[in-house]
Structures are given as structure tokens and as C-alpha cells.
Amino acid sequence: MPAAEELRTQIMESLGTIYDPEVPVDIVNFGLIYGVNIADDGTVNVTMSLTSPSCPSAQAIPAEVEAKCRAVEGVGEVTVNIVWDPPWGPEMISPEGKVKLGME
């Protein structure tokens, strides 16, 4: 099984291919992924948020996050936790994301 850091890198790259249909920036650069914890047995816990509880993609995005994580070799069980604290805000967008959105 790959080391945790190698798995984390592969997971983050995979999550970087997920886009909210309303935003032209992937969910990683948009700041929706708060954390990825990997246990020694390959169990992955993703903590993330959405832009709002009423997000039209509130079901689809977490399901896609789970599927993308499961597709990474060495990953076992996957849990996706949606949190609202801290609430997502534009300050969480990465510098790359801000450039893509014309914010910088």
C-alpha cells in the first residue's frame, strides 16, 4: 500500500478533477476540501463543505468525491463528511482559483 502522503497527493489530484457545475474552478482550488485524513489501513476521511446547504449539487459532489477517492489504488473505506463550520467563503479560494475566477 502506498504511503499516506503519496495517497494524499493522488487523492487531491483526483479531487482536483471535480467541478461544481456553477463554478469554473475545481473543488480543491475553490476551497471546498477542508481535510483528507488517511489511516494506516487506507481508510480515508474527507472533510469538506459546499457553498451553501441549498447547493443544487449537494448530493452529486460528495458522491463524486467518494467515488474519486475509492478509485485511487490503496484506498480502503471512504467517508465524506460535510461540515458547515467553518462556513465556506471566498477567502478559501486558492490563488490559482482566484486567477481563474478573475478575482486577482
PDB file of N, CA and C in Angstrom:
ATOM      1  N   MET A   1       0.850  -1.183   0.000  1.00  0.00           N
ATOM      2  CA  MET A   1       0.000   0.000   0.000  1.00  0.00           C
ATOM      3  C   MET A   1       0.891   1.240   0.000  1.00  0.00           C
ATOM      4  N   PRO A   2       0.547   2.256  -0.805  1.00  0.00           N
ATOM      5  CA  PRO A   2       1.344   3.482  -0.849  1.00  0.00           C
ATOM      6  C   PRO A   2       1.333   4.191   0.507  1.00  0.00           C
ATOM      7  N   ALA A   3       2.361   4.967   0.774  1.00  0.00           N
ATOM      8  CA  ALA A   3       2.434   5.752   1.999  1.00  0.00           C
ATOM      9  C   ALA A   3       1.315   6.787   2.016  1.00  0.00           C
ATOM     10  N   ALA A   4       0.963   7.234   3.218  1.00  0.00           N
ATOM     11  CA  ALA A   4      -0.153   8.178   3.382  1.00  0.00           C
ATOM     12  C   ALA A   4       0.042   9.447   2.552  1.00  0.00           C
ATOM     13  N   GLU A   5       1.260   9.980   2.528  1.00  0.00           N
ATOM     14  CA  GLU A   5       1.476  11.220   1.766  1.00  0.00           C
ATOM     15  C   GLU A   5       1.299  10.997   0.278  1.00  0.00           C
ATOM     16  N   GLU A   6       1.757   9.842  -0.202  1.00  0.00           N
ATOM     17  CA  GLU A   6       1.581   9.522  -1.619  1.00  0.00           C
ATOM     18  C   GLU A   6       0.092   9.368  -1.939  1.00  0.00           C
ATOM     19  N   LEU A   7      -0.636   8.690  -1.047  1.00  0.00           N
ATOM     20  CA  LEU A   7      -2.088   8.549  -1.234  1.00  0.00           C
ATOM     21  C   LEU A   7      -2.762   9.912  -1.219  1.00  0.00           C
ATOM     22  N   ARG A   8      -2.371  10.758  -0.270  1.00  0.00           N
ATOM     23  CA  ARG A   8      -2.968  12.097  -0.167  1.00  0.00           C
ATOM     24  C   ARG A   8      -2.765  12.876  -1.466  1.00  0.00           C
ATOM     25  N   THR A   9      -1.558  12.797  -2.004  1.00  0.00           N
ATOM     26  CA  THR A   9      -1.264  13.502  -3.255  1.00  0.00           C
ATOM     27  C   THR A   9      -2.146  12.982  -4.381  1.00  0.00           C
ATOM     28  N   GLN A  10      -2.253  11.664  -4.494  1.00  0.00           N
ATOM     29  CA  GLN A  10      -3.082  11.077  -5.547  1.00  0.00           C
ATOM     30  C   GLN A  10      -4.558  11.432  -5.355  1.00  0.00           C
ATOM     31  N   ILE A  11      -5.012  11.413  -4.115  1.00  0.00           N
ATOM     32  CA  ILE A  11      -6.415  11.763  -3.834  1.00  0.00           C
ATOM     33  C   ILE A  11      -6.677  13.217  -4.191  1.00  0.00           C
ATOM     34  N   MET A  12      -5.796  14.114  -3.783  1.00  0.00           N
ATOM     35  CA  MET A  12      -6.002  15.537  -4.070  1.00  0.00           C
ATOM     36  C   MET A  12      -5.978  15.802  -5.575  1.00  0.00           C
ATOM     37  N   GLU A  13      -5.098  15.093  -6.297  1.00  0.00           N
ATOM     38  CA  GLU A  13      -5.081  15.240  -7.760  1.00  0.00           C
ATOM     39  C   GLU A  13      -6.402  14.781  -8.352  1.00  0.00           C
ATOM     40  N   SER A  14      -6.920  13.672  -7.840  1.00  0.00           N
ATOM     41  CA  SER A  14      -8.194  13.145  -8.335  1.00  0.00           C
ATOM     42  C   SER A  14      -9.340  14.096  -7.991  1.00  0.00           C
ATOM     43  N   LEU A  15      -9.344  14.617  -6.761  1.00  0.00           N
ATOM     44  CA  LEU A  15     -10.403  15.553  -6.364  1.00  0.00           C
ATOM     45  C   LEU A  15     -10.324  16.847  -7.173  1.00  0.00           C
ATOM     46  N   GLY A  16      -9.131  17.164  -7.653  1.00  0.00           N
ATOM     47  CA  GLY A  16      -8.950  18.362  -8.477  1.00  0.00           C
ATOM     48  C   GLY A  16      -9.595  18.257  -9.850  1.00  0.00           C
ATOM     49  N   THR A  17     -10.183  17.107 -10.154  1.00  0.00           N
ATOM     50  CA  THR A  17     -10.888  16.950 -11.434  1.00  0.00           C
ATOM     51  C   THR A  17     -12.400  17.134 -11.264  1.00  0.00           C
ATOM     52  N   ILE A  18     -12.846  17.415 -10.040  1.00  0.00           N
ATOM     53  CA  ILE A  18     -14.273  17.583  -9.763  1.00  0.00           C
ATOM     54  C   ILE A  18     -14.615  19.067  -9.790  1.00  0.00           C
ATOM     55  N   TYR A  19     -15.648  19.395 -10.528  1.00  0.00           N
ATOM     56  CA  TYR A  19     -16.086  20.779 -10.643  1.00  0.00           C
ATOM     57  C   TYR A  19     -17.535  20.916 -10.209  1.00  0.00           C
ATOM     58  N   ASP A  20     -17.823  21.991  -9.502  1.00  0.00           N
ATOM     59  CA  ASP A  20     -19.208  22.377  -9.247  1.00  0.00           C
ATOM     60  C   ASP A  20     -19.709  22.898 -10.595  1.00  0.00           C
ATOM     61  N   PRO A  21     -20.856  22.430 -11.073  1.00  0.00           N
ATOM     62  CA  PRO A  21     -21.329  22.861 -12.389  1.00  0.00           C
ATOM     63  C   PRO A  21     -21.519  24.368 -12.529  1.00  0.00           C
ATOM     64  N   GLU A  22     -21.638  25.065 -11.414  1.00  0.00           N
ATOM     65  CA  GLU A  22     -21.872  26.510 -11.469  1.00  0.00           C
ATOM     66  C   GLU A  22     -20.586  27.327 -11.393  1.00  0.00           C
ATOM     67  N   VAL A  23     -19.441  26.654 -11.169  1.00  0.00           N
ATOM     68  CA  VAL A  23     -18.188  27.375 -10.949  1.00  0.00           C
ATOM     69  C   VAL A  23     -17.097  26.776 -11.840  1.00  0.00           C
ATOM     70  N   PRO A  24     -16.341  27.614 -12.544  1.00  0.00           N
ATOM     71  CA  PRO A  24     -15.316  27.093 -13.440  1.00  0.00           C
ATOM     72  C   PRO A  24     -13.992  26.778 -12.742  1.00  0.00           C
ATOM     73  N   VAL A  25     -14.051  26.404 -11.456  1.00  0.00           N
ATOM     74  CA  VAL A  25     -12.859  26.082 -10.682  1.00  0.00           C
ATOM     75  C   VAL A  25     -13.123  24.754  -9.973  1.00  0.00           C
ATOM     76  N   ASP A  26     -12.104  23.878  -9.929  1.00  0.00           N
ATOM     77  CA  ASP A  26     -12.288  22.589  -9.263  1.00  0.00           C
ATOM     78  C   ASP A  26     -12.512  22.786  -7.761  1.00  0.00           C
ATOM     79  N   ILE A  27     -13.068  21.763  -7.110  1.00  0.00           N
ATOM     80  CA  ILE A  27     -13.459  21.890  -5.707  1.00  0.00           C
ATOM     81  C   ILE A  27     -12.267  22.059  -4.767  1.00  0.00           C
ATOM     82  N   VAL A  28     -11.088  21.596  -5.159  1.00  0.00           N
ATOM     83  CA  VAL A  28      -9.899  21.782  -4.326  1.00  0.00           C
ATOM     84  C   VAL A  28      -9.499  23.254  -4.348  1.00  0.00           C
ATOM     85  N   ASN A  29      -9.327  23.820  -5.538  1.00  0.00           N
ATOM     86  CA  ASN A  29      -8.934  25.228  -5.648  1.00  0.00           C
ATOM     87  C   ASN A  29     -10.047  26.181  -5.219  1.00  0.00           C
ATOM     88  N   PHE A  30     -11.274  25.695  -5.214  1.00  0.00           N
ATOM     89  CA  PHE A  30     -12.391  26.522  -4.761  1.00  0.00           C
ATOM     90  C   PHE A  30     -12.475  26.542  -3.233  1.00  0.00           C
ATOM     91  N   GLY A  31     -11.674  25.695  -2.594  1.00  0.00           N
ATOM     92  CA  GLY A  31     -11.605  25.704  -1.135  1.00  0.00           C
ATOM     93  C   GLY A  31     -12.665  24.881  -0.437  1.00  0.00           C
ATOM     94  N   LEU A  32     -13.267  23.928  -1.147  1.00  0.00           N
ATOM     95  CA  LEU A  32     -14.329  23.124  -0.540  1.00  0.00           C
ATOM     96  C   LEU A  32     -13.794  21.910   0.220  1.00  0.00           C
ATOM     97  N   ILE A  33     -12.546  21.522  -0.033  1.00  0.00           N
ATOM     98  CA  ILE A  33     -11.952  20.391   0.683  1.00  0.00           C
ATOM     99  C   ILE A  33     -11.207  20.948   1.888  1.00  0.00           C
ATOM    100  N   TYR A  34     -11.689  20.614   3.075  1.00  0.00           N
ATOM    101  CA  TYR A  34     -11.087  21.113   4.310  1.00  0.00           C
ATOM    102  C   TYR A  34      -9.994  20.184   4.827  1.00  0.00           C
ATOM    103  N   GLY A  35     -10.108  18.899   4.548  1.00  0.00           N
ATOM    104  CA  GLY A  35      -9.091  17.978   5.025  1.00  0.00           C
ATOM    105  C   GLY A  35      -9.278  16.584   4.465  1.00  0.00           C
ATOM    106  N   VAL A  36      -8.170  15.866   4.344  1.00  0.00           N
ATOM    107  CA  VAL A  36      -8.170  14.460   3.924  1.00  0.00           C
ATOM    108  C   VAL A  36      -7.297  13.718   4.924  1.00  0.00           C
ATOM    109  N   ASN A  37      -7.919  12.863   5.712  1.00  0.00           N
ATOM    110  CA  ASN A  37      -7.184  12.065   6.694  1.00  0.00           C
ATOM    111  C   ASN A  37      -7.138  10.626   6.216  1.00  0.00           C
ATOM    112  N   ILE A  38      -5.946  10.039   6.318  1.00  0.00           N
ATOM    113  CA  ILE A  38      -5.737   8.679   5.837  1.00  0.00           C
ATOM    114  C   ILE A  38      -5.183   7.839   6.985  1.00  0.00           C
ATOM    115  N   ALA A  39      -5.885   6.764   7.309  1.00  0.00           N
ATOM    116  CA  ALA A  39      -5.430   5.834   8.345  1.00  0.00           C
ATOM    117  C   ALA A  39      -4.432   4.848   7.750  1.00  0.00           C
ATOM    118  N   ASP A  40      -3.726   4.164   8.625  1.00  0.00           N
ATOM    119  CA  ASP A  40      -2.718   3.195   8.178  1.00  0.00           C
ATOM    120  C   ASP A  40      -3.289   2.100   7.289  1.00  0.00           C
ATOM    121  N   ASP A  41      -4.583   1.778   7.475  1.00  0.00           N
ATOM    122  CA  ASP A  41      -5.196   0.716   6.681  1.00  0.00           C
ATOM    123  C   ASP A  41      -5.781   1.215   5.362  1.00  0.00           C
ATOM    124  N   GLY A  42      -5.551   2.504   5.033  1.00  0.00           N
ATOM    125  CA  GLY A  42      -6.051   3.059   3.781  1.00  0.00           C
ATOM    126  C   GLY A  42      -7.437   3.659   3.880  1.00  0.00           C
ATOM    127  N   THR A  43      -8.025   3.653   5.079  1.00  0.00           N
ATOM    128  CA  THR A  43      -9.321   4.299   5.277  1.00  0.00           C
ATOM    129  C   THR A  43      -9.145   5.806   5.101  1.00  0.00           C
ATOM    130  N   VAL A  44     -10.036   6.410   4.346  1.00  0.00           N
ATOM    131  CA  VAL A  44      -9.940   7.838   4.046  1.00  0.00           C
ATOM    132  C   VAL A  44     -11.174   8.552   4.586  1.00  0.00           C
ATOM    133  N   ASN A  45     -10.920   9.655   5.294  1.00  0.00           N
ATOM    134  CA  ASN A  45     -11.989  10.527   5.765  1.00  0.00           C
ATOM    135  C   ASN A  45     -11.768  11.898   5.144  1.00  0.00           C
ATOM    136  N   VAL A  46     -12.730  12.333   4.345  1.00  0.00           N
ATOM    137  CA  VAL A  46     -12.659  13.640   3.707  1.00  0.00           C
ATOM    138  C   VAL A  46     -13.619  14.565   4.441  1.00  0.00           C
ATOM    139  N   THR A  47     -13.106  15.710   4.839  1.00  0.00           N
ATOM    140  CA  THR A  47     -13.945  16.750   5.432  1.00  0.00           C
ATOM    141  C   THR A  47     -14.040  17.855   4.402  1.00  0.00           C
ATOM    142  N   MET A  48     -15.276  18.212   4.078  1.00  0.00           N
ATOM    143  CA  MET A  48     -15.478  19.226   3.046  1.00  0.00           C
ATOM    144  C   MET A  48     -16.725  20.035   3.349  1.00  0.00           C
ATOM    145  N   SER A  49     -16.897  21.097   2.599  1.00  0.00           N
ATOM    146  CA  SER A  49     -18.100  21.900   2.699  1.00  0.00           C
ATOM    147  C   SER A  49     -18.634  22.137   1.300  1.00  0.00           C
ATOM    148  N   LEU A  50     -19.728  22.795   1.242  1.00  0.00           N
ATOM    149  CA  LEU A  50     -20.314  23.250  -0.013  1.00  0.00           C
ATOM    150  C   LEU A  50     -20.530  24.749   0.133  1.00  0.00           C
ATOM    151  N   THR A  51     -20.846  25.414  -0.940  1.00  0.00           N
ATOM    152  CA  THR A  51     -21.009  26.863  -0.842  1.00  0.00           C
ATOM    153  C   THR A  51     -22.209  27.244   0.006  1.00  0.00           C
ATOM    154  N   SER A  52     -23.227  26.367   0.042  1.00  0.00           N
ATOM    155  CA  SER A  52     -24.393  26.616   0.896  1.00  0.00           C
ATOM    156  C   SER A  52     -25.166  25.316   1.059  1.00  0.00           C
ATOM    157  N   PRO A  53     -25.965  25.208   2.136  1.00  0.00           N
ATOM    158  CA  PRO A  53     -26.763  23.994   2.321  1.00  0.00           C
ATOM    159  C   PRO A  53     -27.747  23.742   1.175  1.00  0.00           C
ATOM    160  N   SER A  54     -28.122  24.796   0.476  1.00  0.00           N
ATOM    161  CA  SER A  54     -29.077  24.635  -0.616  1.00  0.00           C
ATOM    162  C   SER A  54     -28.393  24.483  -1.979  1.00  0.00           C
ATOM    163  N   CYS A  55     -27.114  24.182  -1.970  1.00  0.00           N
ATOM    164  CA  CYS A  55     -26.364  23.990  -3.213  1.00  0.00           C
ATOM    165  C   CYS A  55     -27.066  22.933  -4.068  1.00  0.00           C
ATOM    166  N   PRO A  56     -27.348  23.245  -5.329  1.00  0.00           N
ATOM    167  CA  PRO A  56     -28.020  22.274  -6.201  1.00  0.00           C
ATOM    168  C   PRO A  56     -27.241  20.964  -6.379  1.00  0.00           C
ATOM    169  N   SER A  57     -25.939  21.005  -6.160  1.00  0.00           N
ATOM    170  CA  SER A  57     -25.104  19.814  -6.328  1.00  0.00           C
ATOM    171  C   SER A  57     -24.770  19.162  -4.990  1.00  0.00           C
ATOM    172  N   ALA A  58     -25.559  19.440  -3.959  1.00  0.00           N
ATOM    173  CA  ALA A  58     -25.268  18.959  -2.608  1.00  0.00           C
ATOM    174  C   ALA A  58     -25.225  17.440  -2.507  1.00  0.00           C
ATOM    175  N   GLN A  59     -25.899  16.725  -3.386  1.00  0.00           N
ATOM    176  CA  GLN A  59     -25.843  15.259  -3.385  1.00  0.00           C
ATOM    177  C   GLN A  59     -24.754  14.750  -4.329  1.00  0.00           C
ATOM    178  N   ALA A  60     -24.633  15.375  -5.475  1.00  0.00           N
ATOM    179  CA  ALA A  60     -23.725  14.881  -6.514  1.00  0.00           C
ATOM    180  C   ALA A  60     -22.253  15.064  -6.164  1.00  0.00           C
ATOM    181  N   ILE A  61     -21.885  16.215  -5.636  1.00  0.00           N
ATOM    182  CA  ILE A  61     -20.466  16.470  -5.382  1.00  0.00           C
ATOM    183  C   ILE A  61     -19.900  15.523  -4.326  1.00  0.00           C
ATOM    184  N   PRO A  62     -20.526  15.363  -3.153  1.00  0.00           N
ATOM    185  CA  PRO A  62     -19.973  14.412  -2.178  1.00  0.00           C
ATOM    186  C   PRO A  62     -19.910  12.980  -2.717  1.00  0.00           C
ATOM    187  N   ALA A  63     -20.892  12.576  -3.504  1.00  0.00           N
ATOM    188  CA  ALA A  63     -20.864  11.231  -4.092  1.00  0.00           C
ATOM    189  C   ALA A  63     -19.683  11.097  -5.052  1.00  0.00           C
ATOM    190  N   GLU A  64     -19.403  12.140  -5.807  1.00  0.00           N
ATOM    191  CA  GLU A  64     -18.270  12.105  -6.730  1.00  0.00           C
ATOM    192  C   GLU A  64     -16.948  12.109  -5.963  1.00  0.00           C
ATOM    193  N   VAL A  65     -16.896  12.852  -4.850  1.00  0.00           N
ATOM    194  CA  VAL A  65     -15.698  12.851  -4.005  1.00  0.00           C
ATOM    195  C   VAL A  65     -15.426  11.431  -3.513  1.00  0.00           C
ATOM    196  N   GLU A  66     -16.457  10.767  -3.023  1.00  0.00           N
ATOM    197  CA  GLU A  66     -16.296   9.400  -2.541  1.00  0.00           C
ATOM    198  C   GLU A  66     -15.810   8.475  -3.662  1.00  0.00           C
ATOM    199  N   ALA A  67     -16.420   8.572  -4.824  1.00  0.00           N
ATOM    200  CA  ALA A  67     -16.052   7.711  -5.954  1.00  0.00           C
ATOM    201  C   ALA A  67     -14.611   7.961  -6.399  1.00  0.00           C
ATOM    202  N   LYS A  68     -14.207   9.221  -6.471  1.00  0.00           N
ATOM    203  CA  LYS A  68     -12.838   9.545  -6.903  1.00  0.00           C
ATOM    204  C   LYS A  68     -11.820   9.022  -5.896  1.00  0.00           C
ATOM    205  N   CYS A  69     -12.143   9.134  -4.607  1.00  0.00           N
ATOM    206  CA  CYS A  69     -11.234   8.607  -3.579  1.00  0.00           C
ATOM    207  C   CYS A  69     -11.115   7.097  -3.692  1.00  0.00           C
ATOM    208  N   ARG A  70     -12.242   6.411  -3.834  1.00  0.00           N
ATOM    209  CA  ARG A  70     -12.249   4.943  -3.926  1.00  0.00           C
ATOM    210  C   ARG A  70     -11.457   4.447  -5.136  1.00  0.00           C
ATOM    211  N   ALA A  71     -11.383   5.251  -6.176  1.00  0.00           N
ATOM    212  CA  ALA A  71     -10.696   4.848  -7.398  1.00  0.00           C
ATOM    213  C   ALA A  71      -9.174   4.896  -7.270  1.00  0.00           C
ATOM    214  N   VAL A  72      -8.678   5.536  -6.219  1.00  0.00           N
ATOM    215  CA  VAL A  72      -7.225   5.621  -6.025  1.00  0.00           C
ATOM    216  C   VAL A  72      -6.732   4.306  -5.421  1.00  0.00           C
ATOM    217  N   GLU A  73      -5.743   3.706  -6.070  1.00  0.00           N
ATOM    218  CA  GLU A  73      -5.203   2.426  -5.597  1.00  0.00           C
ATOM    219  C   GLU A  73      -4.630   2.581  -4.189  1.00  0.00           C
ATOM    220  N   GLY A  74      -5.031   1.666  -3.307  1.00  0.00           N
ATOM    221  CA  GLY A  74      -4.557   1.696  -1.927  1.00  0.00           C
ATOM    222  C   GLY A  74      -5.555   2.279  -0.960  1.00  0.00           C
ATOM    223  N   VAL A  75      -6.617   2.873  -1.482  1.00  0.00           N
ATOM    224  CA  VAL A  75      -7.655   3.446  -0.623  1.00  0.00           C
ATOM    225  C   VAL A  75      -8.644   2.353  -0.250  1.00  0.00           C
ATOM    226  N   GLY A  76      -8.998   2.303   1.029  1.00  0.00           N
ATOM    227  CA  GLY A  76      -9.991   1.350   1.514  1.00  0.00           C
ATOM    228  C   GLY A  76     -11.346   2.024   1.635  1.00  0.00           C
ATOM    229  N   GLU A  77     -11.882   1.993   2.829  1.00  0.00           N
ATOM    230  CA  GLU A  77     -13.172   2.642   3.081  1.00  0.00           C
ATOM    231  C   GLU A  77     -13.024   4.152   2.944  1.00  0.00           C
ATOM    232  N   VAL A  78     -14.104   4.805   2.502  1.00  0.00           N
ATOM    233  CA  VAL A  78     -14.100   6.257   2.334  1.00  0.00           C
ATOM    234  C   VAL A  78     -15.330   6.829   3.027  1.00  0.00           C
ATOM    235  N   THR A  79     -15.103   7.855   3.823  1.00  0.00           N
ATOM    236  CA  THR A  79     -16.197   8.599   4.448  1.00  0.00           C
ATOM    237  C   THR A  79     -16.044  10.056   4.050  1.00  0.00           C
ATOM    238  N   VAL A  80     -17.153  10.648   3.590  1.00  0.00           N
ATOM    239  CA  VAL A  80     -17.159  12.057   3.237  1.00  0.00           C
ATOM    240  C   VAL A  80     -18.044  12.778   4.249  1.00  0.00           C
ATOM    241  N   ASN A  81     -17.448  13.693   4.980  1.00  0.00           N
ATOM    242  CA  ASN A  81     -18.165  14.463   5.994  1.00  0.00           C
ATOM    243  C   ASN A  81     -18.386  15.881   5.489  1.00  0.00           C
ATOM    244  N   ILE A  82     -19.647  16.272   5.390  1.00  0.00           N
ATOM    245  CA  ILE A  82     -19.988  17.646   5.006  1.00  0.00           C
ATOM    246  C   ILE A  82     -20.117  18.450   6.290  1.00  0.00           C
ATOM    247  N   VAL A  83     -19.381  19.545   6.371  1.00  0.00           N
ATOM    248  CA  VAL A  83     -19.436  20.407   7.549  1.00  0.00           C
ATOM    249  C   VAL A  83     -19.797  21.830   7.132  1.00  0.00           C
ATOM    250  N   TRP A  84     -20.371  22.551   8.057  1.00  0.00           N
ATOM    251  CA  TRP A  84     -20.750  23.944   7.791  1.00  0.00           C
ATOM    252  C   TRP A  84     -19.974  24.914   8.687  1.00  0.00           C
ATOM    253  N   ASP A  85     -19.070  24.361   9.497  1.00  0.00           N
ATOM    254  CA  ASP A  85     -18.269  25.190  10.385  1.00  0.00           C
ATOM    255  C   ASP A  85     -16.819  24.770  10.230  1.00  0.00           C
ATOM    256  N   PRO A  86     -15.950  25.583   9.706  1.00  0.00           N
ATOM    257  CA  PRO A  86     -16.247  26.957   9.342  1.00  0.00           C
ATOM    258  C   PRO A  86     -17.039  27.030   8.040  1.00  0.00           C
ATOM    259  N   PRO A  87     -17.868  28.048   7.932  1.00  0.00           N
ATOM    260  CA  PRO A  87     -18.613  28.196   6.684  1.00  0.00           C
ATOM    261  C   PRO A  87     -17.666  28.547   5.537  1.00  0.00           C
ATOM    262  N   TRP A  88     -17.978  28.002   4.356  1.00  0.00           N
ATOM    263  CA  TRP A  88     -17.166  28.321   3.194  1.00  0.00           C
ATOM    264  C   TRP A  88     -17.323  29.806   2.865  1.00  0.00           C
ATOM    265  N   GLY A  89     -16.238  30.420   2.423  1.00  0.00           N
ATOM    266  CA  GLY A  89     -16.274  31.806   1.979  1.00  0.00           C
ATOM    267  C   GLY A  89     -15.230  32.024   0.900  1.00  0.00           C
ATOM    268  N   PRO A  90     -15.343  33.103   0.151  1.00  0.00           N
ATOM    269  CA  PRO A  90     -14.426  33.358  -0.962  1.00  0.00           C
ATOM    270  C   PRO A  90     -12.960  33.426  -0.539  1.00  0.00           C
ATOM    271  N   GLU A  91     -12.695  33.714   0.728  1.00  0.00           N
ATOM    272  CA  GLU A  91     -11.308  33.762   1.191  1.00  0.00           C
ATOM    273  C   GLU A  91     -10.649  32.378   1.169  1.00  0.00           C
ATOM    274  N   MET A  92     -11.447  31.327   1.021  1.00  0.00           N
ATOM    275  CA  MET A  92     -10.913  29.964   0.982  1.00  0.00           C
ATOM    276  C   MET A  92     -10.467  29.541  -0.413  1.00  0.00           C
ATOM    277  N   ILE A  93     -10.764  30.344  -1.408  1.00  0.00           N
ATOM    278  CA  ILE A  93     -10.361  30.032  -2.784  1.00  0.00           C
ATOM    279  C   ILE A  93      -8.851  30.194  -2.894  1.00  0.00           C
ATOM    280  N   SER A  94      -8.203  29.225  -3.513  1.00  0.00           N
ATOM    281  CA  SER A  94      -6.749  29.278  -3.680  1.00  0.00           C
ATOM    282  C   SER A  94      -6.368  30.426  -4.613  1.00  0.00           C
ATOM    283  N   PRO A  95      -5.105  30.847  -4.573  1.00  0.00           N
ATOM    284  CA  PRO A  95      -4.655  31.878  -5.513  1.00  0.00           C
ATOM    285  C   PRO A  95      -4.915  31.483  -6.969  1.00  0.00           C
ATOM    286  N   GLU A  96      -4.705  30.191  -7.297  1.00  0.00           N
ATOM    287  CA  GLU A  96      -4.959  29.720  -8.664  1.00  0.00           C
ATOM    288  C   GLU A  96      -6.435  29.853  -9.018  1.00  0.00           C
ATOM    289  N   GLY A  97      -7.284  29.485  -8.058  1.00  0.00           N
ATOM    290  CA  GLY A  97      -8.716  29.597  -8.272  1.00  0.00           C
ATOM    291  C   GLY A  97      -9.162  31.032  -8.464  1.00  0.00           C
ATOM    292  N   LYS A  98      -8.566  31.947  -7.684  1.00  0.00           N
ATOM    293  CA  LYS A  98      -8.916  33.370  -7.803  1.00  0.00           C
ATOM    294  C   LYS A  98      -8.533  33.913  -9.170  1.00  0.00           C
ATOM    295  N   VAL A  99      -7.411  33.450  -9.707  1.00  0.00           N
ATOM    296  CA  VAL A  99      -6.997  33.880 -11.052  1.00  0.00           C
ATOM    297  C   VAL A  99      -8.018  33.400 -12.072  1.00  0.00           C
ATOM    298  N   LYS A 100      -8.417  32.112 -11.979  1.00  0.00           N
ATOM    299  CA  LYS A 100      -9.387  31.560 -12.920  1.00  0.00           C
ATOM    300  C   LYS A 100     -10.723  32.294 -12.846  1.00  0.00           C
ATOM    301  N   LEU A 101     -11.076  32.779 -11.657  1.00  0.00           N
ATOM    302  CA  LEU A 101     -12.342  33.479 -11.487  1.00  0.00           C
ATOM    303  C   LEU A 101     -12.232  34.980 -11.752  1.00  0.00           C
ATOM    304  N   GLY A 102     -11.026  35.454 -12.095  1.00  0.00           N
ATOM    305  CA  GLY A 102     -10.827  36.866 -12.354  1.00  0.00           C
ATOM    306  C   GLY A 102     -10.857  37.708 -11.098  1.00  0.00           C
ATOM    307  N   MET A 103     -10.532  37.098  -9.959  1.00  0.00           N
ATOM    308  CA  MET A 103     -10.553  37.822  -8.699  1.00  0.00           C
ATOM    309  C   MET A 103      -9.187  38.432  -8.377  1.00  0.00           C
ATOM    310  N   GLU A 104      -8.165  38.109  -9.171  1.00  0.00           N
ATOM    311  CA  GLU A 104      -6.821  38.664  -8.935  1.00  0.00           C
ATOM    312  C   GLU A 104      -6.213  39.068 -10.239  1.00  0.00           C
TER     313      GLU A 104
END
